[in-house]
């Protein structure tokens, strides 16, 4: 056991789970997205069915475990749905048994903890032609899209009955044009494109679920968060780059400039507190991404055509400016689809730069650092924004408590004043009564 403890997301299922770290799989994408936020644990078993799952359910998910998972994502059904074979070697599980097996799995997982969330993934479609090409005609005949649909719908119906979150992968995958060839490696198992669809659907569940706490990655705390040091990091890098540039100028080395227009970016040197404060005044997030895209377009055009003497100082400044501009977009800086596109393009640029023949290795390292910052800055900023919101909420609570306390004290003082005045009035009435009696006695006695 290592610490600190993070939320645990367990992926439980057949080869669709076991291979989810391969081919840029959905498990790997989740692990990357939840880095420093949650541990993604694989419990995937090639060739397994729901029948196999029941045999190990207590071992994989012991009820007496000290720590229970925050989330379990379950995938069984693809192998269950295969046709029965006369040899008896097919993993086929009859539909009624499959439904009861999945019910048992769901019931067991629900009993682990009130905070354990569950998502069932329905059976995927298949590309029969690809299966025949990669494996054999016999294997292809055991799997049909129609059978997968039947098991998928049975899983979804069970989830509706048991109030469990479910994802209709059979439908989601087939919404993509060219899904049969693009979404699978062998007609059965997911390619990177197929895995992206799975992750998108999972994050959609996170976003729409009324779970408390939320499991959406940007809602979870970042482990050992040290705060933002982007400006200081930029200053350090630029100082080193300036030294390198001066050295190159002394050597009289010509450099090819990369001309980029940052006029529309409106970048200024601000302290981080002001930068976060001004986040609320930023325009539409899509406009921000459009500008980031424009700069990336320019970079993608400039880098491949640059000579080996290209100006890496200018390039570093460019990347830092892109990152700084994204810094200004804290609020919804990861609109999933757009952000994923920008991240992929940044990675592609990094690949190009790393393979550009240039003796100035120090610059390449700095460029790689800047690119890496681009891919992580959004996560850090979201955490900073969360901390800022929490701090503001804490201040608001304190102010409210002070207001309530003051109102309480004012009420007590008012009650005390009323009581004092009432007591004073009572004393006055008593004195007046005594005086009246005294005056009456005086009149009677003549004294």
Protein backbone atom coordinates (compact mmCIF):
# COMPACT_ATOMS: atom_id res chain seq x y z
CA UNK A 1 0.00 0.00 0.00
CA UNK A 2 1.32 3.42 -0.93
CA UNK A 3 0.00 6.80 0.08
CA UNK A 4 -1.57 9.22 0.10
CA UNK A 5 -4.82 7.41 -0.53
CA UNK A 6 -6.64 8.49 -3.66
CA UNK A 7 -10.12 7.57 -4.92
CA UNK A 8 -10.01 4.18 -6.62
CA UNK A 9 -11.68 3.59 -9.97
CA UNK A 10 -11.84 -0.14 -10.75
CA UNK A 11 -12.37 -1.35 -14.32
CA UNK A 12 -13.81 -4.86 -14.12
CA UNK A 13 -14.51 -7.00 -17.15
CA UNK A 14 -13.26 -9.10 -20.02
CA UNK A 15 -10.56 -8.37 -22.62
CA UNK A 16 -12.18 -4.99 -23.36
CA UNK A 17 -10.91 -4.06 -19.91
CA UNK A 18 -7.67 -6.07 -19.93
CA UNK A 19 -6.55 -4.41 -23.17
CA UNK A 20 -7.71 -0.93 -22.19
CA UNK A 21 -4.12 0.19 -21.63
CA UNK A 22 -3.13 -0.93 -25.14
CA UNK A 23 -3.53 1.00 -28.39
CA UNK A 24 -4.12 4.25 -26.50
CA UNK A 25 -7.02 2.50 -24.81
CA UNK A 26 -9.77 3.97 -22.69
CA UNK A 27 -8.18 2.79 -19.45
CA UNK A 28 -4.94 4.58 -20.33
CA UNK A 29 -6.84 7.73 -21.29
CA UNK A 30 -8.65 7.72 -17.94
CA UNK A 31 -5.37 7.12 -16.09
CA UNK A 32 -3.85 10.09 -17.90
CA UNK A 33 -6.87 12.30 -17.28
CA UNK A 34 -6.96 11.40 -13.58
CA UNK A 35 -3.20 11.62 -12.93
CA UNK A 36 -2.61 12.82 -9.35
CA UNK A 37 -6.36 12.63 -8.74
CA UNK A 38 -7.47 8.96 -8.71
CA UNK A 39 -5.98 5.50 -9.17
CA UNK A 40 -7.33 3.57 -12.15
CA UNK A 41 -7.17 -0.15 -11.32
CA UNK A 42 -7.58 -2.83 -13.99
CA UNK A 43 -9.29 -6.09 -13.24
CA UNK A 44 -9.71 -7.31 -16.80
CA UNK A 45 -9.62 -10.95 -17.89
CA UNK A 46 -9.33 -11.99 -21.50
CA UNK A 47 -12.09 -14.35 -22.66
CA UNK A 48 -14.17 -14.04 -19.52
CA UNK A 49 -17.94 -13.88 -19.24
CA UNK A 50 -20.33 -12.85 -16.50
CA UNK A 51 -20.26 -16.47 -15.35
CA UNK A 52 -16.52 -16.25 -14.67
CA UNK A 53 -17.01 -12.92 -12.89
CA UNK A 54 -19.30 -14.45 -10.27
CA UNK A 55 -16.61 -16.95 -9.30
CA UNK A 56 -14.17 -14.22 -8.26
CA UNK A 57 -16.54 -11.46 -7.17
CA UNK A 58 -15.76 -11.79 -3.46
CA UNK A 59 -12.01 -11.90 -4.13
CA UNK A 60 -11.92 -8.87 -6.40
CA UNK A 61 -14.37 -6.88 -4.27
CA UNK A 62 -14.18 -8.14 -0.66
CA UNK A 63 -16.88 -6.59 1.48
CA UNK A 64 -14.58 -6.30 4.49
CA UNK A 65 -11.86 -4.32 2.66
CA UNK A 66 -10.54 -1.33 4.60
CA UNK A 67 -10.98 0.89 1.56
CA UNK A 68 -13.75 0.45 -0.98
CA UNK A 69 -13.58 1.80 -4.54
CA UNK A 70 -15.19 5.12 -5.36
CA UNK A 71 -16.22 3.81 -8.76
CA UNK A 72 -16.56 0.44 -10.50
CA UNK A 73 -17.00 0.28 -14.27
CA UNK A 74 -18.20 -3.15 -15.41
CA UNK A 75 -18.02 -4.66 -18.90
CA UNK A 76 -19.33 -8.16 -19.58
CA UNK A 77 -21.54 -9.24 -22.44
CA UNK A 78 -19.42 -9.46 -25.57
CA UNK A 79 -18.26 -13.00 -24.89
CA UNK A 80 -21.56 -13.97 -23.26
CA UNK A 81 -23.37 -13.08 -26.48
CA UNK A 82 -21.35 -15.44 -28.68
CA UNK A 83 -23.33 -18.26 -30.22
CA UNK A 84 -23.20 -21.70 -28.65
CA UNK A 85 -20.95 -24.19 -30.45
CA UNK A 86 -21.60 -27.96 -30.71
CA UNK A 87 -18.15 -28.60 -29.27
CA UNK A 88 -19.13 -26.77 -26.08
CA UNK A 89 -16.00 -24.60 -26.34
CA UNK A 90 -17.87 -21.37 -26.96
CA UNK A 91 -18.06 -19.03 -23.93
CA UNK A 92 -21.77 -18.50 -24.65
CA UNK A 93 -23.94 -17.65 -21.64
CA UNK A 94 -27.71 -17.87 -22.19
CA UNK A 95 -29.44 -14.49 -21.99
CA UNK A 96 -31.52 -15.19 -18.81
CA UNK A 97 -28.39 -16.40 -17.00
CA UNK A 98 -26.43 -13.37 -18.21
CA UNK A 99 -29.07 -11.00 -16.82
CA UNK A 100 -29.10 -12.74 -13.43
CA UNK A 101 -25.31 -12.80 -13.31
CA UNK A 102 -25.17 -9.06 -13.95
CA UNK A 103 -27.86 -8.53 -11.32
CA UNK A 104 -25.74 -10.43 -8.79
CA UNK A 105 -22.68 -8.37 -9.70
CA UNK A 106 -24.64 -5.14 -9.31
CA UNK A 107 -26.11 -6.18 -5.97
CA UNK A 108 -22.68 -7.11 -4.63
CA UNK A 109 -21.11 -3.83 -5.74
CA UNK A 110 -23.96 -1.82 -4.24
CA UNK A 111 -23.32 -3.48 -0.88
CA UNK A 112 -19.66 -2.38 -0.74
CA UNK A 113 -20.28 1.19 0.32
CA UNK A 114 -22.84 3.98 0.04
CA UNK A 115 -20.17 5.99 -1.78
CA UNK A 116 -19.29 3.31 -4.35
CA UNK A 117 -20.63 4.41 -7.73
CA UNK A 118 -21.33 1.91 -10.50
CA UNK A 119 -21.39 2.16 -14.28
CA UNK A 120 -22.26 -0.78 -16.54
CA UNK A 121 -21.03 -0.74 -20.13
CA UNK A 122 -23.27 -2.59 -22.56
CA UNK A 123 -21.96 -5.03 -25.18
CA UNK A 124 -20.04 -3.50 -28.08
CA UNK A 125 -20.96 -4.05 -31.73
CA UNK A 126 -18.57 -6.11 -33.86
CA UNK A 127 -17.16 -5.98 -37.40
CA UNK A 128 -17.76 -9.50 -38.67
CA UNK A 129 -15.77 -9.00 -41.88
CA UNK A 130 -12.71 -7.88 -39.92
CA UNK A 131 -13.07 -10.83 -37.51
CA UNK A 132 -13.11 -13.19 -40.48
CA UNK A 133 -10.03 -11.47 -41.93
CA UNK A 134 -8.00 -11.48 -38.71
CA UNK A 135 -9.14 -14.77 -37.18
CA UNK A 136 -11.23 -17.23 -39.18
CA UNK A 137 -14.65 -17.78 -40.62
CA UNK A 138 -15.52 -20.07 -37.69
CA UNK A 139 -14.79 -17.32 -35.16
CA UNK A 140 -16.73 -14.80 -37.24
CA UNK A 141 -19.78 -17.03 -37.29
CA UNK A 142 -19.86 -17.14 -33.47
CA UNK A 143 -20.21 -13.35 -33.18
CA UNK A 144 -23.01 -11.30 -34.71
CA UNK A 145 -24.01 -7.69 -34.30
CA UNK A 146 -27.62 -8.76 -33.75
CA UNK A 147 -26.68 -10.94 -30.79
CA UNK A 148 -24.55 -8.14 -29.32
CA UNK A 149 -27.54 -5.80 -29.57
CA UNK A 150 -29.79 -8.24 -27.70
CA UNK A 151 -27.32 -8.55 -24.81
CA UNK A 152 -26.69 -4.81 -24.85
CA UNK A 153 -30.40 -4.03 -24.48
CA UNK A 154 -30.75 -6.64 -21.73
CA UNK A 155 -27.94 -4.97 -19.78
CA UNK A 156 -29.49 -1.52 -20.22
CA UNK A 157 -32.92 -2.74 -19.12
CA UNK A 158 -31.43 -4.30 -15.97
CA UNK A 159 -29.65 -1.04 -15.14
CA UNK A 160 -32.87 0.93 -15.49
CA UNK A 161 -34.57 -1.56 -13.19
CA UNK A 162 -31.81 -1.34 -10.56
CA UNK A 163 -31.18 2.41 -10.93
CA UNK A 164 -27.59 1.95 -12.10
CA UNK A 165 -25.78 4.23 -14.52
CA UNK A 166 -25.32 2.54 -17.88
CA UNK A 167 -23.65 3.40 -21.18
CA UNK A 168 -25.08 2.09 -24.43
CA UNK A 169 -21.83 1.32 -26.24
CA UNK A 170 -23.58 -0.67 -28.95
CA UNK A 171 -25.28 2.54 -30.10
CA UNK A 172 -22.54 5.05 -29.21
CA UNK A 173 -19.87 3.32 -31.29
CA UNK A 174 -22.12 3.03 -34.35
CA UNK A 175 -22.88 6.76 -34.36
CA UNK A 176 -19.39 7.39 -35.72
CA UNK A 177 -18.99 7.36 -39.49
CA UNK A 178 -16.78 4.45 -40.51
CA UNK A 179 -17.11 2.87 -37.09
CA UNK A 180 -16.68 -0.69 -38.37
CA UNK A 181 -13.13 -0.01 -39.55
CA UNK A 182 -12.09 2.93 -37.36
CA UNK A 183 -13.20 1.74 -33.92
CA UNK A 184 -11.70 -1.76 -33.81
CA UNK A 185 -8.29 -3.35 -34.21
CA UNK A 186 -9.58 -6.80 -35.11
CA UNK A 187 -13.32 -6.37 -35.37
CA UNK A 188 -13.78 -7.11 -31.65
CA UNK A 189 -11.35 -5.06 -29.56
CA UNK A 190 -11.23 -1.28 -29.46
CA UNK A 191 -8.82 0.93 -31.36
CA UNK A 192 -7.78 4.34 -30.04
CA UNK A 193 -10.74 5.91 -31.86
CA UNK A 194 -13.16 3.48 -30.27
CA UNK A 195 -11.61 4.08 -26.86
CA UNK A 196 -12.08 7.84 -27.20
CA UNK A 197 -15.80 7.27 -27.63
CA UNK A 198 -15.89 5.12 -24.48
CA UNK A 199 -14.08 7.79 -22.45
CA UNK A 200 -16.34 10.52 -23.81
CA UNK A 201 -19.41 8.57 -22.72
CA UNK A 202 -17.94 7.86 -19.27
CA UNK A 203 -17.11 11.53 -18.70
CA UNK A 204 -20.61 12.42 -19.85
CA UNK A 205 -22.01 10.22 -17.07
CA UNK A 206 -19.67 11.90 -14.56
CA UNK A 207 -20.80 15.31 -15.72
CA UNK A 208 -24.53 14.57 -15.61
CA UNK A 209 -24.68 12.41 -12.46
CA UNK A 210 -25.78 14.05 -9.21
CA UNK A 211 -23.11 12.19 -7.27
CA UNK A 212 -21.70 13.76 -4.16
CA UNK A 213 -18.79 14.10 -4.30
CA UNK A 214 -18.55 14.49 -8.05
CA UNK A 215 -16.14 12.11 -9.79
CA UNK A 216 -15.49 14.41 -12.74
CA UNK A 217 -11.72 14.80 -12.92
CA UNK A 218 -11.70 18.57 -12.58
CA UNK A 219 -13.76 18.31 -9.37
CA UNK A 220 -11.21 16.10 -7.61
CA UNK A 221 -8.25 17.59 -5.70
CA UNK A 222 -4.77 17.32 -7.20
CA UNK A 223 -2.31 15.45 -5.02
CA UNK A 224 0.53 17.55 -3.55
CA UNK A 225 -0.69 20.64 -5.36
CA UNK A 226 1.97 23.31 -4.98
CA UNK A 227 0.13 26.13 -6.71
CA UNK A 228 0.87 27.88 -9.93
CA UNK A 229 4.41 28.94 -10.70
CA UNK A 230 3.96 29.59 -14.40
CA UNK A 231 5.25 33.16 -14.37
CA UNK A 232 8.32 32.26 -12.34
CA UNK A 233 8.95 29.27 -14.57
CA UNK A 234 8.60 31.44 -17.65
CA UNK A 235 11.03 34.00 -16.26
CA UNK A 236 13.62 31.31 -15.51
CA UNK A 237 13.30 29.78 -18.97
CA UNK A 238 13.48 33.12 -20.73
CA UNK A 239 16.57 34.13 -18.77
CA UNK A 240 18.31 30.94 -19.86
CA UNK A 241 17.16 31.43 -23.42
CA UNK A 242 18.39 35.03 -23.43
CA UNK A 243 21.82 33.83 -22.35
CA UNK A 244 21.82 31.25 -25.14
CA UNK A 245 20.66 33.83 -27.66
CA UNK A 246 23.43 36.23 -26.64
CA UNK A 247 25.97 33.45 -27.05
CA UNK A 248 24.64 32.67 -30.52
CA UNK A 249 24.78 36.33 -31.52
CA UNK A 250 28.43 36.47 -30.43
CA UNK A 251 29.11 33.54 -32.70
CA UNK A 252 27.39 35.43 -35.51
CA UNK A 253 25.03 32.55 -36.17
CA UNK A 254 22.13 33.52 -38.43
CA UNK A 255 18.71 32.56 -37.32
CA UNK A 256 15.47 32.20 -39.22
CA UNK A 257 12.64 34.06 -37.53
CA UNK A 258 9.18 32.67 -37.07
CA UNK A 259 6.70 35.52 -37.37
CA UNK A 260 3.60 35.09 -35.28
CA UNK A 261 0.89 37.60 -34.50
CA UNK A 262 0.10 37.89 -30.80
CA UNK A 263 -1.62 41.27 -31.07
CA UNK A 264 -5.00 39.73 -30.42
CA UNK A 265 -3.81 37.83 -27.36
CA UNK A 266 -3.59 40.90 -25.09
CA UNK A 267 -0.92 39.34 -22.88
CA UNK A 268 0.58 41.33 -20.01
CA UNK A 269 2.74 40.41 -17.06
CA UNK A 270 0.33 40.06 -14.15
CA UNK A 271 0.66 38.41 -10.80
CA UNK A 272 -1.17 35.11 -10.54
CA UNK A 273 -3.81 36.44 -8.16
CA UNK A 274 -4.84 39.14 -10.61
CA UNK A 275 -4.68 36.67 -13.48
CA UNK A 276 -7.12 34.34 -11.73
CA UNK A 277 -9.33 37.28 -10.74
CA UNK A 278 -9.57 38.45 -14.33
CA UNK A 279 -10.59 34.99 -15.44
CA UNK A 280 -14.19 35.86 -14.67
CA UNK A 281 -14.04 38.67 -17.21
CA UNK A 282 -12.84 36.49 -20.09
CA UNK A 283 -14.98 36.06 -23.19
CA UNK A 284 -16.36 32.90 -24.65
CA UNK A 285 -14.15 29.83 -24.14
CA UNK A 286 -14.59 28.70 -27.73
CA UNK A 287 -13.11 32.01 -28.89
CA UNK A 288 -10.10 31.36 -26.68
CA UNK A 289 -9.59 27.96 -28.23
CA UNK A 290 -10.03 29.45 -31.69
CA UNK A 291 -7.10 31.78 -31.02
CA UNK A 292 -5.02 28.94 -29.62
CA UNK A 293 -5.82 26.95 -32.75
CA UNK A 294 -4.72 29.85 -34.95
CA UNK A 295 -1.34 30.00 -33.24
CA UNK A 296 -0.96 26.23 -33.53
CA UNK A 297 -1.81 26.49 -37.24
CA UNK A 298 1.03 28.94 -37.64
CA UNK A 299 3.41 26.74 -35.69
CA UNK A 300 2.52 23.65 -37.69
CA UNK A 301 3.25 25.57 -40.87
CA UNK A 302 6.46 27.19 -39.65
CA UNK A 303 8.27 24.35 -37.90
CA UNK A 304 8.57 21.81 -40.74
CA UNK A 305 9.77 24.48 -43.18
CA UNK A 306 12.31 26.01 -40.83
CA UNK A 307 15.98 25.42 -41.38
CA UNK A 308 18.24 23.78 -38.83
CA UNK A 309 19.05 27.29 -37.63
CA UNK A 310 15.41 28.09 -36.79
CA UNK A 311 14.92 30.49 -33.95
CA UNK A 312 14.14 28.29 -30.96
CA UNK A 313 14.13 31.34 -28.69
CA UNK A 314 11.22 32.77 -30.64
CA UNK A 315 9.55 29.37 -30.67
CA UNK A 316 9.82 29.06 -26.90
CA UNK A 317 8.34 32.51 -26.47
CA UNK A 318 5.54 31.47 -28.79
CA UNK A 319 4.72 28.36 -26.78
CA UNK A 320 4.89 30.25 -23.51
CA UNK A 321 2.51 32.85 -24.90
CA UNK A 322 0.06 30.14 -25.98
CA UNK A 323 0.24 28.64 -22.53
CA UNK A 324 -0.14 32.04 -20.86
CA UNK A 325 -3.19 32.73 -22.96
CA UNK A 326 -4.72 29.42 -21.95
CA UNK A 327 -3.97 30.43 -18.37
CA UNK A 328 -6.52 33.19 -18.82
CA UNK A 329 -9.17 30.56 -19.59
CA UNK A 330 -9.61 28.85 -16.24
CA UNK A 331 -13.37 28.58 -16.19
CA UNK A 332 -13.99 25.85 -18.79
CA UNK A 333 -10.54 25.40 -20.22
CA UNK A 334 -11.12 21.74 -20.99
CA UNK A 335 -14.12 21.55 -23.25
CA UNK A 336 -13.34 17.91 -23.81
CA UNK A 337 -13.40 17.60 -27.59
CA UNK A 338 -11.68 20.89 -28.39
CA UNK A 339 -9.08 20.51 -25.67
CA UNK A 340 -8.30 16.96 -26.79
CA UNK A 341 -7.72 18.23 -30.32
CA UNK A 342 -5.32 20.94 -29.10
CA UNK A 343 -3.52 18.44 -26.87
CA UNK A 344 -3.01 16.05 -29.78
CA UNK A 345 -1.70 18.83 -31.99
CA UNK A 346 0.72 19.91 -29.27
CA UNK A 347 1.97 16.34 -28.99
CA UNK A 348 2.45 16.22 -32.76
CA UNK A 349 4.45 19.45 -32.64
CA UNK A 350 6.59 18.03 -29.88
CA UNK A 351 7.31 15.02 -32.09
CA UNK A 352 8.31 17.25 -35.00
CA UNK A 353 10.55 19.40 -32.82
CA UNK A 354 12.24 16.41 -31.23
CA UNK A 355 13.18 15.12 -34.69
CA UNK A 356 14.38 18.45 -36.08
CA UNK A 357 18.16 18.29 -36.71
CA UNK A 358 19.59 21.09 -34.62
CA UNK A 359 22.79 21.19 -32.57
CA UNK A 360 21.20 23.42 -29.97
CA UNK A 361 19.89 20.63 -27.80
CA UNK A 362 19.31 22.97 -24.85
CA UNK A 363 16.65 24.78 -26.82
CA UNK A 364 14.95 21.52 -27.73
CA UNK A 365 14.76 20.62 -24.07
CA UNK A 366 13.22 23.98 -23.22
CA UNK A 367 10.72 23.66 -26.05
CA UNK A 368 9.74 20.21 -24.82
CA UNK A 369 9.30 21.63 -21.32
CA UNK A 370 7.09 24.41 -22.62
CA UNK A 371 4.98 21.95 -24.59
CA UNK A 372 4.60 19.75 -21.54
CA UNK A 373 3.48 22.78 -19.55
CA UNK A 374 0.81 23.41 -22.16
CA UNK A 375 -0.67 19.95 -21.67
CA UNK A 376 -0.72 20.21 -17.86
CA UNK A 377 -1.44 23.90 -17.24
CA UNK A 378 -5.19 23.47 -17.65
CA UNK A 379 -5.38 20.82 -14.93
CA UNK A 380 -3.35 22.94 -12.53
CA UNK A 381 -5.44 26.00 -13.25
CA UNK A 382 -8.70 24.20 -12.67
CA UNK A 383 -7.37 23.12 -9.28
CA UNK A 384 -6.27 26.67 -8.50
CA UNK A 385 -9.70 27.95 -9.45
CA UNK A 386 -11.32 25.34 -7.22
CA UNK A 387 -9.11 26.37 -4.30
CA UNK A 388 -9.96 30.02 -4.95
CA UNK A 389 -13.67 29.22 -4.96
CA UNK A 390 -13.31 27.18 -1.77
CA UNK A 391 -11.42 30.02 -0.10
CA UNK A 392 -14.06 32.52 -1.18
CA UNK A 393 -16.81 30.23 0.07
CA UNK A 394 -15.00 29.94 3.39
CA UNK A 395 -14.76 33.73 3.63
CA UNK A 396 -18.45 34.02 2.77
CA UNK A 397 -19.31 31.52 5.49
CA UNK A 398 -17.25 33.46 8.03
CA UNK A 399 -18.93 36.72 7.05
CA UNK A 400 -22.34 35.08 7.32
CA UNK A 401 -21.47 33.68 10.75
CA UNK A 402 -20.31 37.13 11.88
CA UNK A 403 -23.57 38.64 10.62
CA UNK A 404 -25.58 35.96 12.42
CA UNK A 405 -23.51 36.39 15.60
CA UNK A 406 -23.93 40.15 15.52
CA UNK A 407 -27.66 39.77 14.99
CA UNK A 408 -27.80 37.35 17.92
CA UNK A 409 -25.85 39.71 20.18
CA UNK A 410 -27.96 42.67 19.07
CA UNK A 411 -31.04 40.63 19.91
CA UNK A 412 -29.70 39.84 23.36
CA UNK A 413 -28.79 43.49 23.95
CA UNK A 414 -32.23 44.56 22.81
CA UNK A 415 -33.86 42.01 25.10
CA UNK A 416 -31.63 43.17 27.95
CA UNK A 417 -32.52 46.80 27.29
CA UNK A 418 -36.23 45.98 27.24
CA UNK A 419 -35.81 43.99 30.44
CA UNK A 420 -33.85 46.83 32.05
CA UNK A 421 -36.43 49.38 31.05
CA UNK A 422 -39.21 47.13 32.29
CA UNK A 423 -37.40 46.64 35.59
CA UNK A 424 -36.82 50.39 35.87
CA UNK A 425 -40.49 51.04 35.15
CA UNK A 426 -41.46 48.51 37.81
CA UNK A 427 -39.20 50.21 40.32
CA UNK A 428 -40.68 53.57 39.44
CA UNK A 429 -44.21 52.23 39.87
CA UNK A 430 -43.26 50.68 43.20
CA UNK A 431 -41.68 53.95 44.39
CA UNK A 432 -44.73 55.87 43.25
CA UNK A 433 -46.97 53.43 45.11
CA UNK A 434 -44.88 53.74 48.29
CA UNK A 435 -44.91 57.53 47.97
CA UNK A 436 -48.67 57.53 47.60
CA UNK A 437 -49.06 55.41 50.71
CA UNK A 438 -46.63 57.63 52.61
CA UNK A 439 -48.52 60.77 51.59
CA UNK A 440 -51.81 59.21 52.66
CA UNK A 441 -50.46 58.29 56.07
CA UNK A 442 -49.14 61.80 56.51
CA UNK A 443 -52.53 63.27 55.80
CA UNK A 444 -54.18 60.88 58.27
CA UNK A 445 -51.73 61.47 61.13
CA UNK A 446 -51.25 65.13 60.45
CA UNK A 447 -47.50 64.80 60.28
